Amino acid sequence: MVIGSDLSGLTIALSLADNNIPVTIVERADALGGLPYDLAGRAQELTAERIEAAFRHPRLTTMLGAHVTNVTGHPGDYEVQVA
């Protein structure tokens, strides 16, 4: 699970998925890309490319308009509740 879909979140999610690890991105907004701040130049291009790749990736799912409500467990064995 990756929480947030800014450039760094998308990058790690795609890296994990490319290595055969199923990933769920939890994003509070109704669209991928993180907070709507002004990205310029290459950062904006990279974010757009990664959003497109995330939607196409077979091992990556998204939960838009969602947020983590509770986390229990210990490293390597978490249970996460999302609303």
PDB file of N, CA and C in Angstrom:
ATOM      1  N   MET A   1       0.836  -1.170   0.000  1.00  0.00           N
ATOM      2  CA  MET A   1       0.000   0.000   0.000  1.00  0.00           C
ATOM      3  C   MET A   1       0.886   1.238   0.000  1.00  0.00           C
ATOM      4  N   VAL A   2       0.546   2.164  -0.884  1.00  0.00           N
ATOM      5  CA  VAL A   2       1.214   3.453  -0.944  1.00  0.00           C
ATOM      6  C   VAL A   2       0.157   4.505  -0.630  1.00  0.00           C
ATOM      7  N   ILE A   3       0.459   5.357   0.329  1.00  0.00           N
ATOM      8  CA  ILE A   3      -0.488   6.397   0.723  1.00  0.00           C
ATOM      9  C   ILE A   3      -0.055   7.703   0.065  1.00  0.00           C
ATOM     10  N   GLY A   4      -0.904   8.202  -0.816  1.00  0.00           N
ATOM     11  CA  GLY A   4      -0.611   9.430  -1.545  1.00  0.00           C
ATOM     12  C   GLY A   4      -0.102   9.134  -2.942  1.00  0.00           C
ATOM     13  N   SER A   5      -0.460  10.022  -3.861  1.00  0.00           N
ATOM     14  CA  SER A   5      -0.100   9.772  -5.262  1.00  0.00           C
ATOM     15  C   SER A   5       0.593  10.974  -5.897  1.00  0.00           C
ATOM     16  N   ASP A   6       1.432  11.637  -5.106  1.00  0.00           N
ATOM     17  CA  ASP A   6       2.260  12.672  -5.710  1.00  0.00           C
ATOM     18  C   ASP A   6       3.350  11.977  -6.527  1.00  0.00           C
ATOM     19  N   LEU A   7       4.271  12.728  -7.066  1.00  0.00           N
ATOM     20  CA  LEU A   7       5.309  12.146  -7.926  1.00  0.00           C
ATOM     21  C   LEU A   7       6.073  11.035  -7.218  1.00  0.00           C
ATOM     22  N   SER A   8       6.434  11.229  -5.963  1.00  0.00           N
ATOM     23  CA  SER A   8       7.188  10.198  -5.246  1.00  0.00           C
ATOM     24  C   SER A   8       6.332   8.964  -4.976  1.00  0.00           C
ATOM     25  N   GLY A   9       5.078   9.156  -4.600  1.00  0.00           N
ATOM     26  CA  GLY A   9       4.192   8.019  -4.353  1.00  0.00           C
ATOM     27  C   GLY A   9       3.961   7.197  -5.607  1.00  0.00           C
ATOM     28  N   LEU A  10       3.718   7.868  -6.715  1.00  0.00           N
ATOM     29  CA  LEU A  10       3.527   7.164  -7.983  1.00  0.00           C
ATOM     30  C   LEU A  10       4.781   6.419  -8.402  1.00  0.00           C
ATOM     31  N   THR A  11       5.936   7.031  -8.189  1.00  0.00           N
ATOM     32  CA  THR A  11       7.202   6.409  -8.576  1.00  0.00           C
ATOM     33  C   THR A  11       7.441   5.120  -7.796  1.00  0.00           C
ATOM     34  N   ILE A  12       7.250   5.155  -6.490  1.00  0.00           N
ATOM     35  CA  ILE A  12       7.484   3.941  -5.696  1.00  0.00           C
ATOM     36  C   ILE A  12       6.424   2.880  -5.979  1.00  0.00           C
ATOM     37  N   ALA A  13       5.177   3.300  -6.172  1.00  0.00           N
ATOM     38  CA  ALA A  13       4.120   2.337  -6.477  1.00  0.00           C
ATOM     39  C   ALA A  13       4.418   1.600  -7.782  1.00  0.00           C
ATOM     40  N   LEU A  14       4.821   2.327  -8.796  1.00  0.00           N
ATOM     41  CA  LEU A  14       5.144   1.692 -10.074  1.00  0.00           C
ATOM     42  C   LEU A  14       6.382   0.808  -9.976  1.00  0.00           C
ATOM     43  N   SER A  15       7.365   1.223  -9.200  1.00  0.00           N
ATOM     44  CA  SER A  15       8.569   0.419  -9.018  1.00  0.00           C
ATOM     45  C   SER A  15       8.231  -0.920  -8.349  1.00  0.00           C
ATOM     46  N   LEU A  16       7.415  -0.871  -7.309  1.00  0.00           N
ATOM     47  CA  LEU A  16       6.998  -2.103  -6.634  1.00  0.00           C
ATOM     48  C   LEU A  16       6.200  -2.992  -7.590  1.00  0.00           C
ATOM     49  N   ALA A  17       5.228  -2.399  -8.288  1.00  0.00           N
ATOM     50  CA  ALA A  17       4.390  -3.172  -9.206  1.00  0.00           C
ATOM     51  C   ALA A  17       5.224  -3.782 -10.332  1.00  0.00           C
ATOM     52  N   ASP A  18       6.218  -3.047 -10.818  1.00  0.00           N
ATOM     53  CA  ASP A  18       7.104  -3.584 -11.859  1.00  0.00           C
ATOM     54  C   ASP A  18       7.930  -4.767 -11.366  1.00  0.00           C
ATOM     55  N   ASN A  19       8.047  -4.894 -10.051  1.00  0.00           N
ATOM     56  CA  ASN A  19       8.782  -6.018  -9.457  1.00  0.00           C
ATOM     57  C   ASN A  19       7.824  -7.076  -8.916  1.00  0.00           C
ATOM     58  N   ASN A  20       6.654  -7.167  -9.545  1.00  0.00           N
ATOM     59  CA  ASN A  20       5.646  -8.194  -9.253  1.00  0.00           C
ATOM     60  C   ASN A  20       5.073  -8.123  -7.847  1.00  0.00           C
ATOM     61  N   ILE A  21       5.069  -6.953  -7.258  1.00  0.00           N
ATOM     62  CA  ILE A  21       4.459  -6.753  -5.945  1.00  0.00           C
ATOM     63  C   ILE A  21       3.143  -6.010  -6.149  1.00  0.00           C
ATOM     64  N   PRO A  22       2.013  -6.626  -5.812  1.00  0.00           N
ATOM     65  CA  PRO A  22       0.733  -5.931  -5.966  1.00  0.00           C
ATOM     66  C   PRO A  22       0.690  -4.687  -5.065  1.00  0.00           C
ATOM     67  N   VAL A  23       0.205  -3.590  -5.610  1.00  0.00           N
ATOM     68  CA  VAL A  23       0.196  -2.320  -4.893  1.00  0.00           C
ATOM     69  C   VAL A  23      -1.192  -1.692  -4.974  1.00  0.00           C
ATOM     70  N   THR A  24      -1.617  -1.109  -3.865  1.00  0.00           N
ATOM     71  CA  THR A  24      -2.808  -0.271  -3.840  1.00  0.00           C
ATOM     72  C   THR A  24      -2.380   1.129  -3.453  1.00  0.00           C
ATOM     73  N   ILE A  25      -2.767   2.107  -4.264  1.00  0.00           N
ATOM     74  CA  ILE A  25      -2.518   3.509  -3.938  1.00  0.00           C
ATOM     75  C   ILE A  25      -3.777   4.060  -3.286  1.00  0.00           C
ATOM     76  N   VAL A  26      -3.629   4.632  -2.096  1.00  0.00           N
ATOM     77  CA  VAL A  26      -4.734   5.287  -1.405  1.00  0.00           C
ATOM     78  C   VAL A  26      -4.535   6.795  -1.553  1.00  0.00           C
ATOM     79  N   GLU A  27      -5.480   7.448  -2.209  1.00  0.00           N
ATOM     80  CA  GLU A  27      -5.385   8.886  -2.473  1.00  0.00           C
ATOM     81  C   GLU A  27      -6.641   9.587  -1.967  1.00  0.00           C
ATOM     82  N   ARG A  28      -6.450  10.604  -1.150  1.00  0.00           N
ATOM     83  CA  ARG A  28      -7.568  11.359  -0.579  1.00  0.00           C
ATOM     84  C   ARG A  28      -8.339  12.129  -1.655  1.00  0.00           C
ATOM     85  N   ALA A  29      -7.646  12.646  -2.648  1.00  0.00           N
ATOM     86  CA  ALA A  29      -8.287  13.411  -3.719  1.00  0.00           C
ATOM     87  C   ALA A  29      -9.055  12.475  -4.654  1.00  0.00           C
ATOM     88  N   ASP A  30      -9.826  13.061  -5.542  1.00  0.00           N
ATOM     89  CA  ASP A  30     -10.605  12.278  -6.494  1.00  0.00           C
ATOM     90  C   ASP A  30      -9.831  11.950  -7.768  1.00  0.00           C
ATOM     91  N   ALA A  31      -8.546  12.296  -7.779  1.00  0.00           N
ATOM     92  CA  ALA A  31      -7.701  12.023  -8.937  1.00  0.00           C
ATOM     93  C   ALA A  31      -6.274  11.777  -8.452  1.00  0.00           C
ATOM     94  N   LEU A  32      -5.520  11.010  -9.230  1.00  0.00           N
ATOM     95  CA  LEU A  32      -4.117  10.799  -8.905  1.00  0.00           C
ATOM     96  C   LEU A  32      -3.319  12.068  -9.171  1.00  0.00           C
ATOM     97  N   GLY A  33      -2.213  12.212  -8.491  1.00  0.00           N
ATOM     98  CA  GLY A  33      -1.323  13.337  -8.725  1.00  0.00           C
ATOM     99  C   GLY A  33      -0.995  14.123  -7.481  1.00  0.00           C
ATOM    100  N   GLY A  34      -1.638  13.824  -6.371  1.00  0.00           N
ATOM    101  CA  GLY A  34      -1.338  14.530  -5.134  1.00  0.00           C
ATOM    102  C   GLY A  34      -2.024  15.874  -5.046  1.00  0.00           C
ATOM    103  N   LEU A  35      -1.559  16.688  -4.131  1.00  0.00           N
ATOM    104  CA  LEU A  35      -2.145  18.004  -3.928  1.00  0.00           C
ATOM    105  C   LEU A  35      -1.986  18.865  -5.173  1.00  0.00           C
ATOM    106  N   PRO A  36      -2.982  19.662  -5.463  1.00  0.00           N
ATOM    107  CA  PRO A  36      -2.932  20.472  -6.686  1.00  0.00           C
ATOM    108  C   PRO A  36      -2.054  21.710  -6.540  1.00  0.00           C
ATOM    109  N   TYR A  37      -0.757  21.483  -6.458  1.00  0.00           N
ATOM    110  CA  TYR A  37       0.164  22.605  -6.428  1.00  0.00           C
ATOM    111  C   TYR A  37       0.799  22.732  -7.805  1.00  0.00           C
ATOM    112  N   ASP A  38       1.380  23.838  -8.053  1.00  0.00           N
ATOM    113  CA  ASP A  38       1.924  24.116  -9.380  1.00  0.00           C
ATOM    114  C   ASP A  38       3.234  23.358  -9.607  1.00  0.00           C
ATOM    115  N   LEU A  39       3.156  22.373 -10.477  1.00  0.00           N
ATOM    116  CA  LEU A  39       4.361  21.694 -10.926  1.00  0.00           C
ATOM    117  C   LEU A  39       4.771  22.338 -12.234  1.00  0.00           C
ATOM    118  N   ALA A  40       6.039  22.382 -12.467  1.00  0.00           N
ATOM    119  CA  ALA A  40       6.513  23.004 -13.692  1.00  0.00           C
ATOM    120  C   ALA A  40       7.416  22.052 -14.459  1.00  0.00           C
ATOM    121  N   GLY A  41       7.446  22.245 -15.738  1.00  0.00           N
ATOM    122  CA  GLY A  41       8.397  21.548 -16.587  1.00  0.00           C
ATOM    123  C   GLY A  41       8.365  20.047 -16.476  1.00  0.00           C
ATOM    124  N   ARG A  42       9.533  19.491 -16.278  1.00  0.00           N
ATOM    125  CA  ARG A  42       9.702  18.030 -16.284  1.00  0.00           C
ATOM    126  C   ARG A  42       8.934  17.354 -15.157  1.00  0.00           C
ATOM    127  N   ALA A  43       8.816  17.979 -13.996  1.00  0.00           N
ATOM    128  CA  ALA A  43       8.071  17.367 -12.884  1.00  0.00           C
ATOM    129  C   ALA A  43       6.611  17.159 -13.273  1.00  0.00           C
ATOM    130  N   GLN A  44       6.042  18.116 -13.959  1.00  0.00           N
ATOM    131  CA  GLN A  44       4.654  18.001 -14.414  1.00  0.00           C
ATOM    132  C   GLN A  44       4.523  16.878 -15.442  1.00  0.00           C
ATOM    133  N   GLU A  45       5.473  16.788 -16.350  1.00  0.00           N
ATOM    134  CA  GLU A  45       5.468  15.732 -17.366  1.00  0.00           C
ATOM    135  C   GLU A  45       5.605  14.354 -16.724  1.00  0.00           C
ATOM    136  N   LEU A  46       6.544  14.222 -15.791  1.00  0.00           N
ATOM    137  CA  LEU A  46       6.753  12.939 -15.112  1.00  0.00           C
ATOM    138  C   LEU A  46       5.513  12.497 -14.351  1.00  0.00           C
ATOM    139  N   THR A  47       4.877  13.435 -13.660  1.00  0.00           N
ATOM    140  CA  THR A  47       3.668  13.100 -12.912  1.00  0.00           C
ATOM    141  C   THR A  47       2.581  12.602 -13.865  1.00  0.00           C
ATOM    142  N   ALA A  48       2.371  13.294 -14.969  1.00  0.00           N
ATOM    143  CA  ALA A  48       1.358  12.885 -15.942  1.00  0.00           C
ATOM    144  C   ALA A  48       1.675  11.505 -16.524  1.00  0.00           C
ATOM    145  N   GLU A  49       2.937  11.248 -16.827  1.00  0.00           N
ATOM    146  CA  GLU A  49       3.351   9.940 -17.358  1.00  0.00           C
ATOM    147  C   GLU A  49       3.086   8.834 -16.347  1.00  0.00           C
ATOM    148  N   ARG A  50       3.400   9.095 -15.090  1.00  0.00           N
ATOM    149  CA  ARG A  50       3.220   8.076 -14.062  1.00  0.00           C
ATOM    150  C   ARG A  50       1.746   7.835 -13.749  1.00  0.00           C
ATOM    151  N   ILE A  51       0.922   8.863 -13.832  1.00  0.00           N
ATOM    152  CA  ILE A  51      -0.524   8.677 -13.644  1.00  0.00           C
ATOM    153  C   ILE A  51      -1.052   7.739 -14.727  1.00  0.00           C
ATOM    154  N   GLU A  52      -0.689   7.991 -15.964  1.00  0.00           N
ATOM    155  CA  GLU A  52      -1.124   7.137 -17.073  1.00  0.00           C
ATOM    156  C   GLU A  52      -0.632   5.704 -16.878  1.00  0.00           C
ATOM    157  N   ALA A  53       0.627   5.546 -16.493  1.00  0.00           N
ATOM    158  CA  ALA A  53       1.188   4.210 -16.280  1.00  0.00           C
ATOM    159  C   ALA A  53       0.500   3.487 -15.129  1.00  0.00           C
ATOM    160  N   ALA A  54       0.152   4.219 -14.087  1.00  0.00           N
ATOM    161  CA  ALA A  54      -0.517   3.614 -12.923  1.00  0.00           C
ATOM    162  C   ALA A  54      -1.868   3.031 -13.317  1.00  0.00           C
ATOM    163  N   PHE A  55      -2.624   3.750 -14.105  1.00  0.00           N
ATOM    164  CA  PHE A  55      -3.940   3.256 -14.525  1.00  0.00           C
ATOM    165  C   PHE A  55      -3.843   2.054 -15.443  1.00  0.00           C
ATOM    166  N   ARG A  56      -2.748   1.911 -16.167  1.00  0.00           N
ATOM    167  CA  ARG A  56      -2.566   0.780 -17.082  1.00  0.00           C
ATOM    168  C   ARG A  56      -1.934  -0.445 -16.421  1.00  0.00           C
ATOM    169  N   HIS A  57      -1.294  -0.261 -15.281  1.00  0.00           N
ATOM    170  CA  HIS A  57      -0.500  -1.353 -14.699  1.00  0.00           C
ATOM    171  C   HIS A  57      -1.402  -2.441 -14.120  1.00  0.00           C
ATOM    172  N   PRO A  58      -1.172  -3.695 -14.501  1.00  0.00           N
ATOM    173  CA  PRO A  58      -2.038  -4.783 -14.039  1.00  0.00           C
ATOM    174  C   PRO A  58      -1.895  -5.123 -12.548  1.00  0.00           C
ATOM    175  N   ARG A  59      -0.806  -4.730 -11.912  1.00  0.00           N
ATOM    176  CA  ARG A  59      -0.614  -5.062 -10.495  1.00  0.00           C
ATOM    177  C   ARG A  59      -0.817  -3.847  -9.584  1.00  0.00           C
ATOM    178  N   LEU A  60      -1.441  -2.805 -10.136  1.00  0.00           N
ATOM    179  CA  LEU A  60      -1.628  -1.589  -9.375  1.00  0.00           C
ATOM    180  C   LEU A  60      -3.111  -1.206  -9.372  1.00  0.00           C
ATOM    181  N   THR A  61      -3.663  -1.036  -8.181  1.00  0.00           N
ATOM    182  CA  THR A  61      -5.038  -0.579  -8.047  1.00  0.00           C
ATOM    183  C   THR A  61      -5.036   0.752  -7.310  1.00  0.00           C
ATOM    184  N   THR A  62      -6.098   1.501  -7.499  1.00  0.00           N
ATOM    185  CA  THR A  62      -6.197   2.802  -6.854  1.00  0.00           C
ATOM    186  C   THR A  62      -7.477   2.903  -6.046  1.00  0.00           C
ATOM    187  N   MET A  63      -7.392   3.635  -4.961  1.00  0.00           N
ATOM    188  CA  MET A  63      -8.556   3.965  -4.143  1.00  0.00           C
ATOM    189  C   MET A  63      -8.589   5.496  -4.060  1.00  0.00           C
ATOM    190  N   LEU A  64      -9.432   6.101  -4.873  1.00  0.00           N
ATOM    191  CA  LEU A  64      -9.521   7.557  -4.921  1.00  0.00           C
ATOM    192  C   LEU A  64     -10.610   8.039  -3.967  1.00  0.00           C
ATOM    193  N   GLY A  65     -10.430   9.228  -3.431  1.00  0.00           N
ATOM    194  CA  GLY A  65     -11.378   9.769  -2.471  1.00  0.00           C
ATOM    195  C   GLY A  65     -11.387   8.963  -1.180  1.00  0.00           C
ATOM    196  N   ALA A  66     -10.246   8.385  -0.838  1.00  0.00           N
ATOM    197  CA  ALA A  66     -10.135   7.497   0.318  1.00  0.00           C
ATOM    198  C   ALA A  66      -9.033   7.977   1.251  1.00  0.00           C
ATOM    199  N   HIS A  67      -9.116   7.555   2.492  1.00  0.00           N
ATOM    200  CA  HIS A  67      -8.056   7.882   3.448  1.00  0.00           C
ATOM    201  C   HIS A  67      -7.948   6.786   4.493  1.00  0.00           C
ATOM    202  N   VAL A  68      -6.765   6.664   5.076  1.00  0.00           N
ATOM    203  CA  VAL A  68      -6.502   5.665   6.110  1.00  0.00           C
ATOM    204  C   VAL A  68      -7.176   6.120   7.394  1.00  0.00           C
ATOM    205  N   THR A  69      -7.951   5.214   8.003  1.00  0.00           N
ATOM    206  CA  THR A  69      -8.638   5.551   9.254  1.00  0.00           C
ATOM    207  C   THR A  69      -8.024   4.870  10.466  1.00  0.00           C
ATOM    208  N   ASN A  70      -7.312   3.762  10.244  1.00  0.00           N
ATOM    209  CA  ASN A  70      -6.723   3.051  11.375  1.00  0.00           C
ATOM    210  C   ASN A  70      -5.638   2.103  10.871  1.00  0.00           C
ATOM    211  N   VAL A  71      -4.591   1.967  11.666  1.00  0.00           N
ATOM    212  CA  VAL A  71      -3.512   1.025  11.365  1.00  0.00           C
ATOM    213  C   VAL A  71      -3.210   0.254  12.634  1.00  0.00           C
ATOM    214  N   THR A  72      -3.201  -1.072  12.535  1.00  0.00           N
ATOM    215  CA  THR A  72      -2.820  -1.919  13.665  1.00  0.00           C
ATOM    216  C   THR A  72      -1.799  -2.928  13.180  1.00  0.00           C
ATOM    217  N   GLY A  73      -1.142  -3.591  14.109  1.00  0.00           N
ATOM    218  CA  GLY A  73      -0.166  -4.613  13.759  1.00  0.00           C
ATOM    219  C   GLY A  73       1.243  -4.150  14.034  1.00  0.00           C
ATOM    220  N   HIS A  74       2.169  -4.786  13.358  1.00  0.00           N
ATOM    221  CA  HIS A  74       3.586  -4.492  13.535  1.00  0.00           C
ATOM    222  C   HIS A  74       4.276  -4.589  12.182  1.00  0.00           C
ATOM    223  N   PRO A  75       5.510  -4.087  12.075  1.00  0.00           N
ATOM    224  CA  PRO A  75       6.198  -4.090  10.774  1.00  0.00           C
ATOM    225  C   PRO A  75       6.150  -5.463  10.106  1.00  0.00           C
ATOM    226  N   GLY A  76       5.712  -5.446   8.867  1.00  0.00           N
ATOM    227  CA  GLY A  76       5.586  -6.666   8.100  1.00  0.00           C
ATOM    228  C   GLY A  76       4.236  -7.342   8.230  1.00  0.00           C
ATOM    229  N   ASP A  77       3.407  -6.890   9.166  1.00  0.00           N
ATOM    230  CA  ASP A  77       2.109  -7.514   9.390  1.00  0.00           C
ATOM    231  C   ASP A  77       1.112  -6.446   9.868  1.00  0.00           C
ATOM    232  N   TYR A  78       0.791  -5.531   8.967  1.00  0.00           N
ATOM    233  CA  TYR A  78      -0.136  -4.449   9.280  1.00  0.00           C
ATOM    234  C   TYR A  78      -1.541  -4.784   8.824  1.00  0.00           C
ATOM    235  N   GLU A  79      -2.503  -4.240   9.514  1.00  0.00           N
ATOM    236  CA  GLU A  79      -3.886  -4.226   9.037  1.00  0.00           C
ATOM    237  C   GLU A  79      -4.273  -2.758   8.946  1.00  0.00           C
ATOM    238  N   VAL A  80      -4.706  -2.363   7.762  1.00  0.00           N
ATOM    239  CA  VAL A  80      -5.010  -0.960   7.500  1.00  0.00           C
ATOM    240  C   VAL A  80      -6.475  -0.848   7.123  1.00  0.00           C
ATOM    241  N   GLN A  81      -7.164   0.085   7.787  1.00  0.00           N
ATOM    242  CA  GLN A  81      -8.555   0.373   7.450  1.00  0.00           C
ATOM    243  C   GLN A  81      -8.591   1.665   6.643  1.00  0.00           C
ATOM    244  N   VAL A  82      -9.355   1.598   5.549  1.00  0.00           N
ATOM    245  CA  VAL A  82      -9.465   2.734   4.648  1.00  0.00           C
ATOM    246  C   VAL A  82     -10.932   3.078   4.481  1.00  0.00           C
ATOM    247  N   ALA A  83     -11.236   4.366   4.503  1.00  0.00           N
ATOM    248  CA  ALA A  83     -12.615   4.807   4.279  1.00  0.00           C
ATOM    249  C   ALA A  83     -12.664   5.708   3.070  1.00  0.00           C
TER     250      ALA A  83
END
